[in-house]
Amino acid sequence: MTVFRLTNEPFFPDPNLADEDGLLAVGGDLSPERLLEAYCNGIFPWYSQKPILWWSPDPRFVLFPEDLKISSSMKKFLKKNLYNVTFDACFKEVMSKCGSLRKDDTWINKKMIQGYTSLHTAGIAHSVETWYEGKLVGGLYGISIGSCFFGESMFSIMDNASKTAFIHLVNKFKFSMIDCQIYSKHLESLGAINIDRHTFLDLLDEGLKCKTALGSWNRL
């Protein structure tokens, strides 16, 4: 299939036109307007060097909150209350650590951080932080639109720190679906599954009918 080259307009082709690897389009920018248009159409940016690559994979890896799995060992760990969990306390720092702690080439570069921080300022991008004795040891960030949460990345420098953040995210909010994008063993252990793109887009359309709750989560 053809990979589309984007213009200056924040417009995307039908996500069903993505190639077999999920690549749909190249180019464009990371403006808040384009990022919002992308997520509302089931598309996300992922690249290490320019041009920007835009993806809509099939299958799509998602977690339905009612299917969250917490192992018996994780339940015991959570009962220890080892970590303090916050929301939107340091979005930019969480995003930066998600990038800096990766061994491979990260897509979380300066332009990415600027684009998502703009969405955070607008009350659309959010973070969950895990703290140990006042030190940031884990967390995640993503986009909240309608009743859907689009998880972008997570990090952990202590045992179960990112899992703790994720479990708190799922339990705190009434999302209809959490988009995990592509398969990972880490999230599969928590209940995430693959679904086909058509089903994902139908669920996304339903989720977008709900009003987006704008604003900072640290007041909740």
N, C-alpha and C. Protein backbone atom coordinates (compact mmCIF):
# COMPACT_ATOMS: atom_id res chain seq x y z
N MET A 1 0.83 -1.20 0.00
CA MET A 1 0.00 0.00 0.00
C MET A 1 0.87 1.25 0.00
N THR A 2 0.29 2.35 -0.42
CA THR A 2 1.00 3.62 -0.48
C THR A 2 1.16 4.22 0.90
N VAL A 3 2.35 4.75 1.18
CA VAL A 3 2.58 5.53 2.39
C VAL A 3 2.42 6.99 2.01
N PHE A 4 1.55 7.70 2.68
CA PHE A 4 1.18 9.05 2.29
C PHE A 4 2.15 10.09 2.85
N ARG A 5 2.40 11.11 2.08
CA ARG A 5 3.22 12.24 2.54
C ARG A 5 2.27 13.37 2.96
N LEU A 6 2.41 13.81 4.20
CA LEU A 6 1.50 14.81 4.75
C LEU A 6 1.84 16.21 4.25
N THR A 7 0.82 17.04 4.19
CA THR A 7 0.98 18.44 3.83
C THR A 7 1.04 19.28 5.11
N ASN A 8 0.98 20.58 4.97
CA ASN A 8 0.98 21.47 6.14
C ASN A 8 -0.35 21.45 6.89
N GLU A 9 -1.38 20.91 6.27
CA GLU A 9 -2.69 20.83 6.92
C GLU A 9 -2.71 19.64 7.87
N PRO A 10 -3.32 19.79 9.06
CA PRO A 10 -3.39 18.69 10.02
C PRO A 10 -4.43 17.65 9.62
N PHE A 11 -4.19 17.02 8.47
CA PHE A 11 -5.13 16.04 7.91
C PHE A 11 -4.41 14.71 7.73
N PHE A 12 -5.15 13.61 7.98
CA PHE A 12 -4.60 12.27 7.80
C PHE A 12 -5.49 11.44 6.89
N PRO A 13 -4.89 10.56 6.10
CA PRO A 13 -5.70 9.63 5.31
C PRO A 13 -6.36 8.59 6.20
N ASP A 14 -7.26 7.83 5.64
CA ASP A 14 -7.96 6.76 6.35
C ASP A 14 -6.92 5.81 6.97
N PRO A 15 -6.98 5.55 8.28
CA PRO A 15 -6.01 4.65 8.92
C PRO A 15 -6.03 3.23 8.35
N ASN A 16 -7.14 2.85 7.74
CA ASN A 16 -7.22 1.52 7.15
C ASN A 16 -6.32 1.37 5.92
N LEU A 17 -5.76 2.49 5.45
CA LEU A 17 -4.87 2.46 4.29
C LEU A 17 -3.41 2.25 4.68
N ALA A 18 -3.14 2.04 5.96
CA ALA A 18 -1.77 1.79 6.42
C ALA A 18 -1.23 0.51 5.81
N ASP A 19 0.10 0.44 5.67
CA ASP A 19 0.69 -0.77 5.09
C ASP A 19 0.65 -1.91 6.11
N GLU A 20 1.18 -3.06 5.74
CA GLU A 20 1.04 -4.25 6.59
C GLU A 20 1.76 -4.12 7.93
N ASP A 21 2.73 -3.20 8.01
CA ASP A 21 3.41 -2.95 9.27
C ASP A 21 2.71 -1.89 10.11
N GLY A 22 1.71 -1.24 9.53
CA GLY A 22 0.98 -0.20 10.25
C GLY A 22 1.40 1.21 9.91
N LEU A 23 2.41 1.36 9.04
CA LEU A 23 2.85 2.70 8.65
C LEU A 23 1.85 3.32 7.68
N LEU A 24 1.38 4.52 8.03
CA LEU A 24 0.36 5.18 7.23
C LEU A 24 0.90 6.39 6.47
N ALA A 25 1.68 7.23 7.15
CA ALA A 25 2.08 8.50 6.54
C ALA A 25 3.43 8.96 7.07
N VAL A 26 4.05 9.88 6.34
CA VAL A 26 5.32 10.48 6.76
C VAL A 26 5.22 11.99 6.66
N GLY A 27 6.04 12.67 7.46
CA GLY A 27 6.10 14.13 7.37
C GLY A 27 5.19 14.82 8.36
N GLY A 28 4.86 16.06 8.05
CA GLY A 28 4.04 16.85 8.94
C GLY A 28 4.84 17.39 10.11
N ASP A 29 4.14 17.69 11.19
CA ASP A 29 4.78 18.25 12.37
C ASP A 29 4.14 17.66 13.62
N LEU A 30 4.57 18.15 14.77
CA LEU A 30 4.04 17.66 16.04
C LEU A 30 3.26 18.75 16.77
N SER A 31 2.56 19.56 16.00
CA SER A 31 1.73 20.60 16.60
C SER A 31 0.59 19.96 17.38
N PRO A 32 0.08 20.63 18.41
CA PRO A 32 -1.05 20.08 19.16
C PRO A 32 -2.23 19.74 18.28
N GLU A 33 -2.49 20.57 17.27
CA GLU A 33 -3.63 20.33 16.37
C GLU A 33 -3.46 19.02 15.61
N ARG A 34 -2.25 18.79 15.10
CA ARG A 34 -2.02 17.57 14.33
C ARG A 34 -2.02 16.33 15.24
N LEU A 35 -1.43 16.46 16.43
CA LEU A 35 -1.43 15.33 17.35
C LEU A 35 -2.85 14.94 17.74
N LEU A 36 -3.69 15.92 18.02
CA LEU A 36 -5.08 15.62 18.37
C LEU A 36 -5.81 14.95 17.21
N GLU A 37 -5.60 15.46 16.02
CA GLU A 37 -6.23 14.86 14.84
C GLU A 37 -5.78 13.42 14.67
N ALA A 38 -4.50 13.18 14.92
CA ALA A 38 -3.96 11.83 14.80
C ALA A 38 -4.64 10.88 15.78
N TYR A 39 -4.64 11.23 17.05
CA TYR A 39 -5.20 10.32 18.06
C TYR A 39 -6.68 10.10 17.87
N CYS A 40 -7.39 11.12 17.44
CA CYS A 40 -8.83 10.98 17.20
C CYS A 40 -9.12 10.05 16.01
N ASN A 41 -8.09 9.75 15.23
CA ASN A 41 -8.25 8.83 14.10
C ASN A 41 -7.47 7.53 14.30
N GLY A 42 -7.04 7.29 15.53
CA GLY A 42 -6.35 6.04 15.81
C GLY A 42 -4.95 5.97 15.26
N ILE A 43 -4.28 7.12 15.18
CA ILE A 43 -2.94 7.22 14.58
C ILE A 43 -2.00 7.83 15.62
N PHE A 44 -0.75 7.42 15.62
CA PHE A 44 0.23 8.00 16.55
C PHE A 44 1.60 8.12 15.87
N PRO A 45 2.42 9.08 16.31
CA PRO A 45 3.77 9.23 15.75
C PRO A 45 4.77 8.33 16.47
N TRP A 46 5.72 7.80 15.70
CA TRP A 46 6.76 6.94 16.27
C TRP A 46 7.93 6.90 15.30
N TYR A 47 9.03 7.51 15.68
CA TYR A 47 10.19 7.58 14.79
C TYR A 47 11.42 7.93 15.61
N SER A 48 12.60 7.61 15.08
CA SER A 48 13.84 7.96 15.77
C SER A 48 14.54 9.13 15.11
N GLN A 49 14.41 9.25 13.79
CA GLN A 49 14.98 10.37 13.05
C GLN A 49 13.95 10.84 12.04
N LYS A 50 14.07 12.11 11.63
CA LYS A 50 13.12 12.63 10.65
C LYS A 50 13.23 11.85 9.34
N PRO A 51 12.13 11.74 8.56
CA PRO A 51 10.85 12.40 8.78
C PRO A 51 10.02 11.71 9.87
N ILE A 52 9.01 12.43 10.36
CA ILE A 52 8.08 11.87 11.33
C ILE A 52 7.29 10.75 10.66
N LEU A 53 7.15 9.63 11.34
CA LEU A 53 6.38 8.50 10.83
C LEU A 53 5.11 8.36 11.66
N TRP A 54 4.00 8.13 10.97
CA TRP A 54 2.69 8.03 11.62
C TRP A 54 2.12 6.63 11.41
N TRP A 55 1.63 6.01 12.48
CA TRP A 55 1.28 4.60 12.46
C TRP A 55 -0.16 4.34 12.89
N SER A 56 -0.72 3.28 12.33
CA SER A 56 -2.01 2.75 12.78
C SER A 56 -1.94 1.23 12.61
N PRO A 57 -1.34 0.54 13.58
CA PRO A 57 -1.08 -0.90 13.42
C PRO A 57 -2.33 -1.77 13.49
N ASP A 58 -2.22 -2.91 12.89
CA ASP A 58 -3.28 -3.91 12.91
C ASP A 58 -2.60 -5.27 13.10
N PRO A 59 -2.78 -5.93 14.25
CA PRO A 59 -3.74 -5.62 15.32
C PRO A 59 -3.27 -4.48 16.21
N ARG A 60 -4.20 -4.05 17.08
CA ARG A 60 -3.93 -2.98 18.04
C ARG A 60 -3.96 -3.59 19.44
N PHE A 61 -3.01 -3.19 20.26
CA PHE A 61 -2.88 -3.74 21.61
C PHE A 61 -3.59 -2.82 22.59
N VAL A 62 -4.61 -3.31 23.27
CA VAL A 62 -5.41 -2.47 24.15
C VAL A 62 -5.69 -3.20 25.46
N LEU A 63 -6.06 -2.42 26.47
CA LEU A 63 -6.52 -2.99 27.73
C LEU A 63 -7.89 -2.42 28.05
N PHE A 64 -8.83 -3.30 28.33
CA PHE A 64 -10.14 -2.90 28.81
C PHE A 64 -10.09 -2.93 30.34
N PRO A 65 -10.37 -1.81 31.00
CA PRO A 65 -10.19 -1.72 32.45
C PRO A 65 -10.81 -2.85 33.25
N GLU A 66 -11.94 -3.35 32.80
CA GLU A 66 -12.59 -4.44 33.54
C GLU A 66 -11.79 -5.75 33.45
N ASP A 67 -10.84 -5.81 32.52
CA ASP A 67 -10.02 -7.01 32.34
C ASP A 67 -8.64 -6.88 32.99
N LEU A 68 -8.43 -5.82 33.76
CA LEU A 68 -7.14 -5.63 34.42
C LEU A 68 -6.80 -6.84 35.29
N LYS A 69 -5.59 -7.35 35.12
CA LYS A 69 -5.12 -8.49 35.90
C LYS A 69 -4.05 -8.03 36.88
N ILE A 70 -4.26 -8.30 38.14
CA ILE A 70 -3.26 -8.00 39.17
C ILE A 70 -2.91 -9.33 39.84
N SER A 71 -1.68 -9.78 39.64
CA SER A 71 -1.26 -11.06 40.19
C SER A 71 -1.29 -11.02 41.71
N SER A 72 -1.31 -12.20 42.31
CA SER A 72 -1.33 -12.27 43.78
C SER A 72 -0.07 -11.65 44.37
N SER A 73 1.06 -11.84 43.68
CA SER A 73 2.31 -11.25 44.17
C SER A 73 2.27 -9.73 44.06
N MET A 74 1.63 -9.20 43.00
CA MET A 74 1.52 -7.75 42.84
C MET A 74 0.55 -7.18 43.87
N LYS A 75 -0.50 -7.90 44.19
CA LYS A 75 -1.42 -7.45 45.22
C LYS A 75 -0.71 -7.34 46.56
N LYS A 76 0.12 -8.32 46.87
CA LYS A 76 0.89 -8.27 48.12
C LYS A 76 1.84 -7.08 48.12
N PHE A 77 2.45 -6.84 46.94
CA PHE A 77 3.38 -5.72 46.82
C PHE A 77 2.66 -4.39 47.06
N LEU A 78 1.50 -4.23 46.46
CA LEU A 78 0.75 -2.98 46.60
C LEU A 78 0.32 -2.74 48.05
N LYS A 79 0.03 -3.81 48.78
CA LYS A 79 -0.39 -3.67 50.17
C LYS A 79 0.71 -3.11 51.06
N LYS A 80 1.95 -3.20 50.61
CA LYS A 80 3.07 -2.67 51.38
C LYS A 80 3.09 -1.14 51.38
N ASN A 81 2.38 -0.53 50.38
CA ASN A 81 2.36 0.93 50.24
C ASN A 81 3.78 1.51 50.19
N LEU A 82 4.62 0.85 49.43
CA LEU A 82 6.01 1.27 49.32
C LEU A 82 6.14 2.60 48.58
N TYR A 83 5.26 2.81 47.61
CA TYR A 83 5.33 3.99 46.76
C TYR A 83 4.20 4.97 47.03
N ASN A 84 4.48 6.23 46.75
CA ASN A 84 3.46 7.26 46.70
C ASN A 84 3.16 7.55 45.23
N VAL A 85 1.91 7.58 44.87
CA VAL A 85 1.52 7.80 43.47
C VAL A 85 0.84 9.15 43.32
N THR A 86 1.26 9.93 42.34
CA THR A 86 0.65 11.22 42.04
C THR A 86 0.25 11.30 40.58
N PHE A 87 -0.52 12.32 40.25
CA PHE A 87 -0.99 12.54 38.89
C PHE A 87 -0.61 13.96 38.45
N ASP A 88 -0.02 14.06 37.28
CA ASP A 88 0.33 15.36 36.69
C ASP A 88 1.23 16.21 37.59
N ALA A 89 2.07 15.57 38.38
CA ALA A 89 2.97 16.32 39.26
C ALA A 89 4.20 16.83 38.52
N CYS A 90 4.68 16.07 37.52
CA CYS A 90 5.87 16.48 36.78
C CYS A 90 5.87 15.83 35.40
N PHE A 91 4.93 16.24 34.57
CA PHE A 91 4.72 15.62 33.26
C PHE A 91 6.00 15.60 32.43
N LYS A 92 6.64 16.75 32.29
CA LYS A 92 7.81 16.84 31.42
C LYS A 92 8.93 15.95 31.91
N GLU A 93 9.12 15.86 33.21
CA GLU A 93 10.17 15.00 33.76
C GLU A 93 9.87 13.53 33.49
N VAL A 94 8.62 13.13 33.62
CA VAL A 94 8.25 11.74 33.32
C VAL A 94 8.54 11.43 31.86
N MET A 95 8.13 12.32 30.97
CA MET A 95 8.35 12.09 29.56
C MET A 95 9.84 12.02 29.24
N SER A 96 10.62 12.90 29.83
CA SER A 96 12.07 12.91 29.59
C SER A 96 12.71 11.62 30.07
N LYS A 97 12.29 11.12 31.24
CA LYS A 97 12.86 9.87 31.75
C LYS A 97 12.44 8.68 30.90
N CYS A 98 11.25 8.70 30.37
CA CYS A 98 10.82 7.62 29.47
C CYS A 98 11.76 7.53 28.27
N GLY A 99 12.27 8.68 27.83
CA GLY A 99 13.19 8.69 26.70
C GLY A 99 14.62 8.38 27.11
N SER A 100 15.11 9.00 28.15
CA SER A 100 16.53 8.89 28.50
C SER A 100 16.91 7.51 29.02
N LEU A 101 15.95 6.76 29.57
CA LEU A 101 16.27 5.46 30.15
C LEU A 101 16.18 4.32 29.13
N ARG A 102 15.84 4.64 27.88
CA ARG A 102 15.78 3.60 26.86
C ARG A 102 17.17 3.35 26.27
N LYS A 103 17.50 2.08 26.07
CA LYS A 103 18.81 1.73 25.55
C LYS A 103 18.89 1.94 24.04
N ASP A 104 17.78 1.76 23.35
CA ASP A 104 17.78 1.91 21.90
C ASP A 104 17.51 3.37 21.54
N ASP A 105 17.47 3.66 20.24
CA ASP A 105 17.14 5.01 19.79
C ASP A 105 15.71 5.34 20.22
N THR A 106 15.55 6.41 20.95
CA THR A 106 14.22 6.77 21.43
C THR A 106 13.54 7.74 20.47
N TRP A 107 12.22 7.63 20.42
CA TRP A 107 11.43 8.59 19.64
C TRP A 107 11.07 9.80 20.50
N ILE A 108 11.39 9.76 21.78
CA ILE A 108 11.01 10.85 22.68
C ILE A 108 12.11 11.91 22.64
N ASN A 109 12.12 12.69 21.59
CA ASN A 109 13.14 13.72 21.40
C ASN A 109 12.60 15.08 21.82
N LYS A 110 13.39 16.11 21.60
CA LYS A 110 13.02 17.46 22.04
C LYS A 110 11.71 17.91 21.43
N LYS A 111 11.51 17.66 20.13
CA LYS A 111 10.28 18.08 19.45
C LYS A 111 9.06 17.33 20.01
N MET A 112 9.25 16.04 20.28
CA MET A 112 8.17 15.26 20.87
C MET A 112 7.78 15.83 22.23
N ILE A 113 8.78 16.11 23.06
CA ILE A 113 8.50 16.64 24.39
C ILE A 113 7.78 17.98 24.29
N GLN A 114 8.18 18.83 23.36
CA GLN A 114 7.50 20.11 23.18
C GLN A 114 6.05 19.93 22.78
N GLY A 115 5.80 19.03 21.82
CA GLY A 115 4.44 18.82 21.33
C GLY A 115 3.52 18.28 22.40
N TYR A 116 3.97 17.28 23.15
CA TYR A 116 3.12 16.68 24.17
C TYR A 116 2.99 17.57 25.40
N THR A 117 4.03 18.35 25.69
CA THR A 117 3.92 19.29 26.80
C THR A 117 2.87 20.36 26.50
N SER A 118 2.75 20.74 25.23
CA SER A 118 1.69 21.69 24.84
C SER A 118 0.31 21.07 25.11
N LEU A 119 0.17 19.79 24.82
CA LEU A 119 -1.10 19.12 25.10
C LEU A 119 -1.32 18.97 26.60
N HIS A 120 -0.25 18.80 27.35
CA HIS A 120 -0.37 18.74 28.81
C HIS A 120 -0.86 20.08 29.35
N THR A 121 -0.30 21.16 28.85
CA THR A 121 -0.72 22.50 29.26
C THR A 121 -2.19 22.73 28.95
N ALA A 122 -2.66 22.13 27.86
CA ALA A 122 -4.06 22.25 27.46
C ALA A 122 -4.97 21.31 28.25
N GLY A 123 -4.39 20.48 29.13
CA GLY A 123 -5.20 19.57 29.94
C GLY A 123 -5.60 18.30 29.24
N ILE A 124 -4.85 17.90 28.20
CA ILE A 124 -5.19 16.70 27.42
C ILE A 124 -4.17 15.58 27.62
N ALA A 125 -2.90 15.93 27.72
CA ALA A 125 -1.85 14.95 28.00
C ALA A 125 -1.60 14.90 29.51
N HIS A 126 -1.38 13.71 30.03
CA HIS A 126 -1.28 13.53 31.48
C HIS A 126 -0.17 12.55 31.84
N SER A 127 0.24 12.62 33.09
CA SER A 127 1.25 11.70 33.60
C SER A 127 0.82 11.12 34.94
N VAL A 128 1.36 9.95 35.22
CA VAL A 128 1.20 9.32 36.54
C VAL A 128 2.62 9.08 37.05
N GLU A 129 2.87 9.47 38.30
CA GLU A 129 4.22 9.37 38.86
C GLU A 129 4.25 8.43 40.07
N THR A 130 5.32 7.66 40.17
CA THR A 130 5.54 6.79 41.32
C THR A 130 6.79 7.28 42.04
N TRP A 131 6.66 7.51 43.36
CA TRP A 131 7.74 8.09 44.15
C TRP A 131 8.16 7.14 45.27
N TYR A 132 9.45 7.15 45.56
CA TYR A 132 9.98 6.41 46.71
C TYR A 132 10.89 7.34 47.50
N GLU A 133 10.48 7.62 48.72
CA GLU A 133 11.22 8.53 49.60
C GLU A 133 11.54 9.85 48.90
N GLY A 134 10.54 10.38 48.20
CA GLY A 134 10.66 11.67 47.55
C GLY A 134 11.37 11.65 46.21
N LYS A 135 11.78 10.48 45.73
CA LYS A 135 12.47 10.36 44.45
C LYS A 135 11.55 9.73 43.41
N LEU A 136 11.55 10.31 42.21
CA LEU A 136 10.75 9.78 41.11
C LEU A 136 11.38 8.47 40.61
N VAL A 137 10.66 7.36 40.76
CA VAL A 137 11.23 6.06 40.41
C VAL A 137 10.45 5.34 39.31
N GLY A 138 9.35 5.92 38.87
CA GLY A 138 8.57 5.29 37.81
C GLY A 138 7.43 6.19 37.38
N GLY A 139 6.84 5.84 36.26
CA GLY A 139 5.69 6.62 35.80
C GLY A 139 5.32 6.32 34.37
N LEU A 140 4.32 7.01 33.90
CA LEU A 140 3.85 6.86 32.53
C LEU A 140 3.21 8.16 32.09
N TYR A 141 3.02 8.30 30.78
CA TYR A 141 2.30 9.47 30.25
C TYR A 141 1.48 9.06 29.04
N GLY A 142 0.49 9.86 28.71
CA GLY A 142 -0.34 9.57 27.55
C GLY A 142 -1.36 10.66 27.33
N ILE A 143 -2.29 10.37 26.44
CA ILE A 143 -3.31 11.33 26.00
C ILE A 143 -4.68 10.85 26.44
N SER A 144 -5.49 11.74 26.99
CA SER A 144 -6.85 11.41 27.40
C SER A 144 -7.84 12.18 26.53
N ILE A 145 -8.60 11.45 25.72
CA ILE A 145 -9.61 12.06 24.85
C ILE A 145 -10.90 11.25 24.96
N GLY A 146 -12.00 11.92 25.21
CA GLY A 146 -13.26 11.21 25.39
C GLY A 146 -13.15 10.25 26.56
N SER A 147 -13.53 9.00 26.34
CA SER A 147 -13.40 8.00 27.40
C SER A 147 -12.20 7.08 27.16
N CYS A 148 -11.29 7.51 26.30
CA CYS A 148 -10.13 6.68 25.95
C CYS A 148 -8.84 7.30 26.47
N PHE A 149 -7.93 6.44 26.87
CA PHE A 149 -6.59 6.88 27.24
C PHE A 149 -5.60 6.22 26.30
N PHE A 150 -4.73 7.03 25.72
CA PHE A 150 -3.74 6.54 24.77
C PHE A 150 -2.37 6.55 25.46
N GLY A 151 -1.95 5.39 25.92
CA GLY A 151 -0.68 5.31 26.62
C GLY A 151 0.49 5.45 25.66
N GLU A 152 1.44 6.30 26.00
CA GLU A 152 2.58 6.53 25.13
C GLU A 152 3.84 5.80 25.59
N SER A 153 4.20 5.94 26.83
CA SER A 153 5.41 5.28 27.32
C SER A 153 5.39 5.23 28.84
N MET A 154 6.23 4.37 29.40
CA MET A 154 6.38 4.28 30.85
C MET A 154 7.83 3.96 31.17
N PHE A 155 8.20 4.21 32.40
CA PHE A 155 9.56 3.89 32.83
C PHE A 155 9.54 3.41 34.28
N SER A 156 10.60 2.71 34.66
CA SER A 156 10.71 2.20 36.02
C SER A 156 12.18 2.02 36.37
N ILE A 157 12.57 2.53 37.53
CA ILE A 157 13.93 2.31 38.00
C ILE A 157 13.93 1.57 39.34
N MET A 158 12.75 1.17 39.78
CA MET A 158 12.61 0.30 40.95
C MET A 158 11.54 -0.74 40.65
N ASP A 159 11.58 -1.86 41.33
CA ASP A 159 10.66 -2.96 41.07
C ASP A 159 9.20 -2.51 41.11
N ASN A 160 8.48 -2.87 40.04
CA ASN A 160 7.03 -2.66 39.94
C ASN A 160 6.60 -1.20 39.97
N ALA A 161 7.53 -0.27 39.75
CA ALA A 161 7.17 1.15 39.82
C ALA A 161 6.23 1.55 38.69
N SER A 162 6.50 1.10 37.46
CA SER A 162 5.62 1.45 36.35
C SER A 162 4.30 0.69 36.43
N LYS A 163 4.35 -0.56 36.89
CA LYS A 163 3.11 -1.33 37.06
C LYS A 163 2.21 -0.65 38.09
N THR A 164 2.81 -0.15 39.15
CA THR A 164 2.04 0.55 40.18
C THR A 164 1.35 1.77 39.59
N ALA A 165 2.08 2.54 38.78
CA ALA A 165 1.50 3.72 38.14
C ALA A 165 0.35 3.32 37.22
N PHE A 166 0.54 2.27 36.45
CA PHE A 166 -0.49 1.83 35.49
C PHE A 166 -1.74 1.36 36.22
N ILE A 167 -1.57 0.57 37.25
CA ILE A 167 -2.72 0.06 38.01
C ILE A 167 -3.50 1.21 38.64
N HIS A 168 -2.79 2.20 39.16
CA HIS A 168 -3.48 3.37 39.73
C HIS A 168 -4.23 4.14 38.65
N LEU A 169 -3.66 4.24 37.46
CA LEU A 169 -4.35 4.91 36.35
C LEU A 169 -5.66 4.20 36.03
N VAL A 170 -5.59 2.89 35.88
CA VAL A 170 -6.78 2.11 35.52
C VAL A 170 -7.85 2.22 36.60
N ASN A 171 -7.45 2.13 37.85
CA ASN A 171 -8.42 2.13 38.95
C ASN A 171 -8.97 3.52 39.27
N LYS A 172 -8.22 4.56 38.94
CA LYS A 172 -8.63 5.92 39.29
C LYS A 172 -9.70 6.47 38.35
N PHE A 173 -9.59 6.11 37.07
CA PHE A 173 -10.46 6.71 36.06
C PHE A 173 -11.35 5.67 35.40
N LYS A 174 -12.46 6.12 34.86
CA LYS A 174 -13.44 5.22 34.23
C LYS A 174 -13.27 5.22 32.71
N PHE A 175 -12.09 4.87 32.25
CA PHE A 175 -11.87 4.82 30.81
C PHE A 175 -12.57 3.61 30.22
N SER A 176 -13.04 3.75 29.00
CA SER A 176 -13.64 2.61 28.31
C SER A 176 -12.57 1.72 27.68
N MET A 177 -11.42 2.33 27.37
CA MET A 177 -10.35 1.58 26.69
C MET A 177 -9.03 2.31 26.90
N ILE A 178 -7.97 1.53 27.12
CA ILE A 178 -6.63 2.09 27.20
C ILE A 178 -5.82 1.54 26.04
N ASP A 179 -5.41 2.42 25.16
CA ASP A 179 -4.64 2.04 23.97
C ASP A 179 -3.18 1.86 24.36
N CYS A 180 -2.68 0.66 24.17
CA CYS A 180 -1.28 0.35 24.46
C CYS A 180 -0.45 0.24 23.18
N GLN A 181 -1.11 0.49 22.04
CA GLN A 181 -0.48 0.57 20.72
C GLN A 181 0.01 -0.77 20.19
N ILE A 182 1.16 -1.24 20.65
CA ILE A 182 1.71 -2.49 20.14
C ILE A 182 2.05 -3.42 21.29
N TYR A 183 2.13 -4.70 20.98
CA TYR A 183 2.29 -5.74 22.00
C TYR A 183 3.53 -5.54 22.87
N SER A 184 3.35 -5.76 24.17
CA SER A 184 4.47 -5.87 25.08
C SER A 184 4.11 -6.93 26.13
N LYS A 185 5.08 -7.73 26.51
CA LYS A 185 4.85 -8.77 27.51
C LYS A 185 4.46 -8.15 28.84
N HIS A 186 5.07 -7.00 29.13
CA HIS A 186 4.81 -6.28 30.38
C HIS A 186 3.32 -5.97 30.54
N LEU A 187 2.70 -5.42 29.48
CA LEU A 187 1.29 -5.04 29.55
C LEU A 187 0.36 -6.23 29.34
N GLU A 188 0.84 -7.24 28.62
CA GLU A 188 0.04 -8.46 28.49
C GLU A 188 -0.19 -9.08 29.86
N SER A 189 0.82 -9.02 30.72
CA SER A 189 0.69 -9.59 32.06
C SER A 189 -0.37 -8.87 32.88
N LEU A 190 -0.70 -7.63 32.48
CA LEU A 190 -1.72 -6.86 33.18
C LEU A 190 -3.09 -6.96 32.53
N GLY A 191 -3.17 -7.71 31.42
CA GLY A 191 -4.47 -7.96 30.81
C GLY A 191 -4.69 -7.38 29.43
N ALA A 192 -3.71 -6.71 28.87
CA ALA A 192 -3.86 -6.14 27.53
C ALA A 192 -3.92 -7.24 26.48
N ILE A 193 -4.70 -7.01 25.43
CA ILE A 193 -4.88 -7.99 24.36
C ILE A 193 -4.81 -7.30 23.00
N ASN A 194 -4.59 -8.09 21.97
CA ASN A 194 -4.65 -7.59 20.60
C ASN A 194 -6.09 -7.64 20.09
N ILE A 195 -6.51 -6.57 19.42
CA ILE A 195 -7.78 -6.58 18.70
C ILE A 195 -7.51 -6.05 17.29
N ASP A 196 -8.39 -6.37 16.35
CA ASP A 196 -8.15 -5.91 14.98
C ASP A 196 -8.42 -4.41 14.87
N ARG A 197 -7.82 -3.78 13.86
CA ARG A 197 -7.93 -2.33 13.70
C ARG A 197 -9.39 -1.89 13.55
N HIS A 198 -10.17 -2.63 12.80
CA HIS A 198 -11.58 -2.24 12.58
C HIS A 198 -12.32 -2.14 13.91
N THR A 199 -12.14 -3.14 14.77
CA THR A 199 -12.78 -3.12 16.09
C THR A 199 -12.27 -1.95 16.92
N PHE A 200 -10.96 -1.74 16.88
CA PHE A 200 -10.37 -0.62 17.62
C PHE A 200 -10.98 0.71 17.19
N LEU A 201 -11.10 0.93 15.89
CA LEU A 201 -11.62 2.21 15.39
C LEU A 201 -13.09 2.38 15.76
N ASP A 202 -13.85 1.29 15.76
CA ASP A 202 -15.25 1.37 16.19
C ASP A 202 -15.34 1.76 17.67
N LEU A 203 -14.51 1.16 18.49
CA LEU A 203 -14.49 1.48 19.93
C LEU A 203 -14.02 2.91 20.15
N LEU A 204 -13.07 3.34 19.33
CA LEU A 204 -12.58 4.72 19.43
C LEU A 204 -13.70 5.71 19.10
N ASP A 205 -14.44 5.42 18.04
CA ASP A 205 -15.55 6.31 17.67
C ASP A 205 -16.55 6.43 18.82
N GLU A 206 -16.85 5.32 19.49
CA GLU A 206 -17.76 5.36 20.62
C GLU A 206 -17.18 6.17 21.77
N GLY A 207 -15.89 5.97 22.03
CA GLY A 207 -15.23 6.68 23.12
C GLY A 207 -15.18 8.17 22.90
N LEU A 208 -15.05 8.58 21.64
CA LEU A 208 -14.95 10.01 21.34
C LEU A 208 -16.30 10.73 21.47
N LYS A 209 -17.38 9.98 21.61
CA LYS A 209 -18.68 10.60 21.82
C LYS A 209 -18.80 11.15 23.24
N CYS A 210 -17.93 10.69 24.13
CA CYS A 210 -17.92 11.18 25.50
C CYS A 210 -17.13 12.48 25.58
N LYS A 211 -17.51 13.32 26.49
CA LYS A 211 -16.83 14.60 26.66
C LYS A 211 -15.44 14.39 27.25
N THR A 212 -14.46 15.10 26.69
CA THR A 212 -13.10 15.03 27.21
C THR A 212 -13.01 15.86 28.48
N ALA A 213 -12.50 15.25 29.55
CA ALA A 213 -12.34 15.95 30.82
C ALA A 213 -11.01 16.72 30.79
N LEU A 214 -11.08 18.01 30.52
CA LEU A 214 -9.88 18.82 30.42
C LEU A 214 -9.39 19.27 31.80
N GLY A 215 -8.11 19.57 31.88
CA GLY A 215 -7.57 20.10 33.12
C GLY A 215 -6.55 19.17 33.75
N SER A 216 -5.93 19.66 34.82
CA SER A 216 -4.89 18.90 35.50
C SER A 216 -5.49 17.81 36.38
N TRP A 217 -4.85 16.67 36.42
CA TRP A 217 -5.31 15.58 37.26
C TRP A 217 -4.80 15.71 38.69
N ASN A 218 -3.88 16.62 38.96
CA ASN A 218 -3.33 16.69 40.32
C ASN A 218 -4.30 17.31 41.32
N ARG A 219 -5.45 17.76 40.83
CA ARG A 219 -6.47 18.28 41.74
C ARG A 219 -7.50 17.22 42.12
N LEU A 220 -7.37 16.03 41.52
CA LEU A 220 -8.37 15.00 41.75
C LEU A 220 -8.12 14.24 43.04
